[in-house]
Amino acid sequence: MGWFKRKVSEDNGASLEMVAERIAGKILNWQTVFSAKLNAKAKKYNQKTILLFMAGLGLLFASYCLWLMTSLFR
């Protein structure tokens, strides 16, 4: 009985590893495809435009964080 339980738990571990490998493979594939699409879109724009856009997003995020912190600690 103990051997059967050990064998079943080993099989479950192997199948879980296979599922984890599949999920990791799908994530890696998605990341590669998304990165290629993002790089293709980024090449359409000037680097200065991208920098200004990211700086604007950073300022927007900083102002949101500042508003959140001031509203939490009144």
N, C-alpha and C. Protein backbone atom coordinates (compact mmCIF):
# COMPACT_ATOMS: atom_id res chain seq x y z
N MET A 1 0.82 -1.20 0.00
CA MET A 1 0.00 0.00 0.00
C MET A 1 0.87 1.26 0.00
N GLY A 2 1.93 1.26 0.80
CA GLY A 2 2.81 2.42 0.85
C GLY A 2 3.50 2.66 -0.48
N TRP A 3 3.88 1.56 -1.17
CA TRP A 3 4.54 1.70 -2.47
C TRP A 3 3.59 2.34 -3.48
N PHE A 4 2.31 1.93 -3.45
CA PHE A 4 1.32 2.47 -4.39
C PHE A 4 1.13 3.97 -4.16
N LYS A 5 1.02 4.37 -2.90
CA LYS A 5 0.85 5.80 -2.60
C LYS A 5 2.06 6.60 -3.06
N ARG A 6 3.26 6.03 -2.81
CA ARG A 6 4.47 6.72 -3.22
C ARG A 6 4.54 6.83 -4.74
N LYS A 7 4.16 5.74 -5.43
CA LYS A 7 4.19 5.73 -6.89
C LYS A 7 3.18 6.75 -7.45
N VAL A 8 1.99 6.81 -6.87
CA VAL A 8 0.97 7.75 -7.33
C VAL A 8 1.44 9.18 -7.09
N SER A 9 2.05 9.44 -5.93
CA SER A 9 2.51 10.81 -5.65
C SER A 9 3.65 11.19 -6.59
N GLU A 10 4.51 10.23 -6.95
CA GLU A 10 5.57 10.51 -7.92
C GLU A 10 4.97 10.82 -9.28
N ASP A 11 3.95 10.06 -9.68
CA ASP A 11 3.30 10.32 -10.96
C ASP A 11 2.63 11.69 -10.98
N ASN A 12 1.98 12.04 -9.87
CA ASN A 12 1.35 13.36 -9.80
C ASN A 12 2.39 14.46 -9.90
N GLY A 13 3.53 14.26 -9.26
CA GLY A 13 4.60 15.26 -9.35
C GLY A 13 5.10 15.41 -10.77
N ALA A 14 5.24 14.28 -11.48
CA ALA A 14 5.70 14.34 -12.86
C ALA A 14 4.68 15.04 -13.75
N SER A 15 3.40 14.75 -13.53
CA SER A 15 2.38 15.39 -14.36
C SER A 15 2.28 16.88 -14.05
N LEU A 16 2.47 17.24 -12.79
CA LEU A 16 2.46 18.66 -12.44
C LEU A 16 3.64 19.38 -13.06
N GLU A 17 4.79 18.70 -13.12
CA GLU A 17 5.95 19.30 -13.78
C GLU A 17 5.69 19.51 -15.26
N MET A 18 5.00 18.55 -15.89
CA MET A 18 4.68 18.70 -17.31
C MET A 18 3.75 19.88 -17.53
N VAL A 19 2.76 20.02 -16.66
CA VAL A 19 1.83 21.15 -16.77
C VAL A 19 2.57 22.46 -16.56
N ALA A 20 3.47 22.49 -15.57
CA ALA A 20 4.24 23.71 -15.31
C ALA A 20 5.13 24.05 -16.51
N GLU A 21 5.72 23.04 -17.14
CA GLU A 21 6.55 23.29 -18.32
C GLU A 21 5.72 23.83 -19.48
N ARG A 22 4.52 23.29 -19.65
CA ARG A 22 3.64 23.79 -20.71
C ARG A 22 3.25 25.24 -20.47
N ILE A 23 2.89 25.54 -19.22
CA ILE A 23 2.50 26.91 -18.89
C ILE A 23 3.67 27.86 -19.10
N ALA A 24 4.86 27.44 -18.65
CA ALA A 24 6.05 28.29 -18.83
C ALA A 24 6.36 28.47 -20.31
N GLY A 25 6.17 27.43 -21.10
CA GLY A 25 6.40 27.54 -22.54
C GLY A 25 5.43 28.50 -23.20
N LYS A 26 4.16 28.43 -22.79
CA LYS A 26 3.16 29.35 -23.35
C LYS A 26 3.48 30.79 -22.96
N ILE A 27 3.88 31.00 -21.70
CA ILE A 27 4.22 32.35 -21.25
C ILE A 27 5.42 32.88 -22.01
N LEU A 28 6.44 32.03 -22.20
CA LEU A 28 7.63 32.45 -22.94
C LEU A 28 7.29 32.78 -24.39
N ASN A 29 6.43 31.97 -25.00
CA ASN A 29 6.01 32.22 -26.38
C ASN A 29 5.23 33.54 -26.46
N TRP A 30 4.31 33.75 -25.54
CA TRP A 30 3.52 34.98 -25.52
C TRP A 30 4.44 36.19 -25.34
N GLN A 31 5.42 36.04 -24.43
CA GLN A 31 6.33 37.15 -24.16
C GLN A 31 7.17 37.48 -25.40
N THR A 32 7.62 36.46 -26.10
CA THR A 32 8.42 36.68 -27.31
C THR A 32 7.61 37.37 -28.39
N VAL A 33 6.39 36.90 -28.61
CA VAL A 33 5.52 37.50 -29.64
C VAL A 33 5.18 38.93 -29.27
N PHE A 34 4.81 39.15 -28.02
CA PHE A 34 4.44 40.49 -27.57
C PHE A 34 5.63 41.45 -27.67
N SER A 35 6.82 40.96 -27.31
CA SER A 35 8.01 41.79 -27.39
C SER A 35 8.32 42.18 -28.83
N ALA A 36 8.15 41.24 -29.76
CA ALA A 36 8.39 41.54 -31.17
C ALA A 36 7.40 42.58 -31.68
N LYS A 37 6.13 42.44 -31.29
CA LYS A 37 5.12 43.41 -31.71
C LYS A 37 5.40 44.79 -31.12
N LEU A 38 5.81 44.80 -29.85
CA LEU A 38 6.10 46.07 -29.20
C LEU A 38 7.31 46.75 -29.82
N ASN A 39 8.33 45.97 -30.16
CA ASN A 39 9.51 46.54 -30.81
C ASN A 39 9.16 47.10 -32.19
N ALA A 40 8.28 46.40 -32.91
CA ALA A 40 7.87 46.89 -34.23
C ALA A 40 7.12 48.21 -34.11
N LYS A 41 6.27 48.33 -33.09
CA LYS A 41 5.54 49.58 -32.89
C LYS A 41 6.47 50.69 -32.42
N ALA A 42 7.45 50.34 -31.59
CA ALA A 42 8.36 51.35 -31.05
C ALA A 42 9.24 51.94 -32.15
N LYS A 43 9.53 51.16 -33.17
CA LYS A 43 10.38 51.67 -34.26
C LYS A 43 9.67 52.72 -35.10
N LYS A 44 8.34 52.77 -35.00
CA LYS A 44 7.58 53.75 -35.77
C LYS A 44 7.73 55.15 -35.20
N TYR A 45 8.04 55.24 -33.90
CA TYR A 45 8.07 56.54 -33.24
C TYR A 45 9.51 56.97 -32.97
N ASN A 46 9.68 58.27 -32.84
CA ASN A 46 10.97 58.85 -32.52
C ASN A 46 11.31 58.55 -31.06
N GLN A 47 12.58 58.38 -30.75
CA GLN A 47 12.98 58.07 -29.38
C GLN A 47 12.64 59.21 -28.43
N LYS A 48 12.73 60.44 -28.90
CA LYS A 48 12.41 61.58 -28.05
C LYS A 48 10.92 61.58 -27.70
N THR A 49 10.08 61.21 -28.65
CA THR A 49 8.65 61.14 -28.40
C THR A 49 8.34 60.08 -27.35
N ILE A 50 8.98 58.94 -27.47
CA ILE A 50 8.77 57.86 -26.50
C ILE A 50 9.23 58.31 -25.11
N LEU A 51 10.38 58.98 -25.06
CA LEU A 51 10.90 59.46 -23.78
C LEU A 51 9.95 60.47 -23.14
N LEU A 52 9.43 61.40 -23.92
CA LEU A 52 8.48 62.38 -23.39
C LEU A 52 7.19 61.71 -22.92
N PHE A 53 6.72 60.73 -23.66
CA PHE A 53 5.51 60.00 -23.28
C PHE A 53 5.73 59.25 -21.96
N MET A 54 6.87 58.57 -21.83
CA MET A 54 7.16 57.83 -20.60
C MET A 54 7.35 58.78 -19.42
N ALA A 55 7.96 59.94 -19.66
CA ALA A 55 8.11 60.93 -18.60
C ALA A 55 6.74 61.44 -18.15
N GLY A 56 5.85 61.66 -19.11
CA GLY A 56 4.49 62.09 -18.78
C GLY A 56 3.76 61.04 -17.96
N LEU A 57 3.91 59.78 -18.35
CA LEU A 57 3.28 58.71 -17.57
C LEU A 57 3.88 58.63 -16.16
N GLY A 58 5.18 58.85 -16.05
CA GLY A 58 5.82 58.84 -14.74
C GLY A 58 5.31 59.96 -13.85
N LEU A 59 5.16 61.15 -14.42
CA LEU A 59 4.62 62.27 -13.64
C LEU A 59 3.17 62.03 -13.23
N LEU A 60 2.40 61.44 -14.12
CA LEU A 60 1.01 61.11 -13.80
C LEU A 60 0.95 60.10 -12.66
N PHE A 61 1.80 59.08 -12.72
CA PHE A 61 1.83 58.07 -11.67
C PHE A 61 2.31 58.67 -10.35
N ALA A 62 3.31 59.54 -10.40
CA ALA A 62 3.81 60.19 -9.19
C ALA A 62 2.75 61.06 -8.55
N SER A 63 1.99 61.78 -9.37
CA SER A 63 0.93 62.63 -8.81
C SER A 63 -0.17 61.78 -8.20
N TYR A 64 -0.47 60.64 -8.80
CA TYR A 64 -1.47 59.73 -8.22
C TYR A 64 -0.98 59.19 -6.89
N CYS A 65 0.29 58.79 -6.82
CA CYS A 65 0.85 58.28 -5.56
C CYS A 65 0.82 59.36 -4.48
N LEU A 66 1.16 60.57 -4.86
CA LEU A 66 1.14 61.68 -3.90
C LEU A 66 -0.28 61.93 -3.41
N TRP A 67 -1.25 61.92 -4.30
CA TRP A 67 -2.65 62.10 -3.90
C TRP A 67 -3.09 60.97 -2.99
N LEU A 68 -2.70 59.74 -3.31
CA LEU A 68 -3.09 58.58 -2.51
C LEU A 68 -2.49 58.67 -1.11
N MET A 69 -1.22 59.03 -1.01
CA MET A 69 -0.57 59.12 0.30
C MET A 69 -1.16 60.25 1.13
N THR A 70 -1.47 61.38 0.51
CA THR A 70 -2.04 62.48 1.29
C THR A 70 -3.46 62.17 1.73
N SER A 71 -4.21 61.43 0.93
CA SER A 71 -5.58 61.12 1.32
C SER A 71 -5.62 60.02 2.37
N LEU A 72 -4.62 59.15 2.40
CA LEU A 72 -4.61 58.08 3.39
C LEU A 72 -4.19 58.56 4.77
N PHE A 73 -3.31 59.53 4.84
CA PHE A 73 -2.75 59.96 6.11
C PHE A 73 -3.22 61.34 6.52
N ARG A 74 -4.50 61.59 6.43
CA ARG A 74 -5.06 62.88 6.88
C ARG A 74 -5.35 62.83 8.35
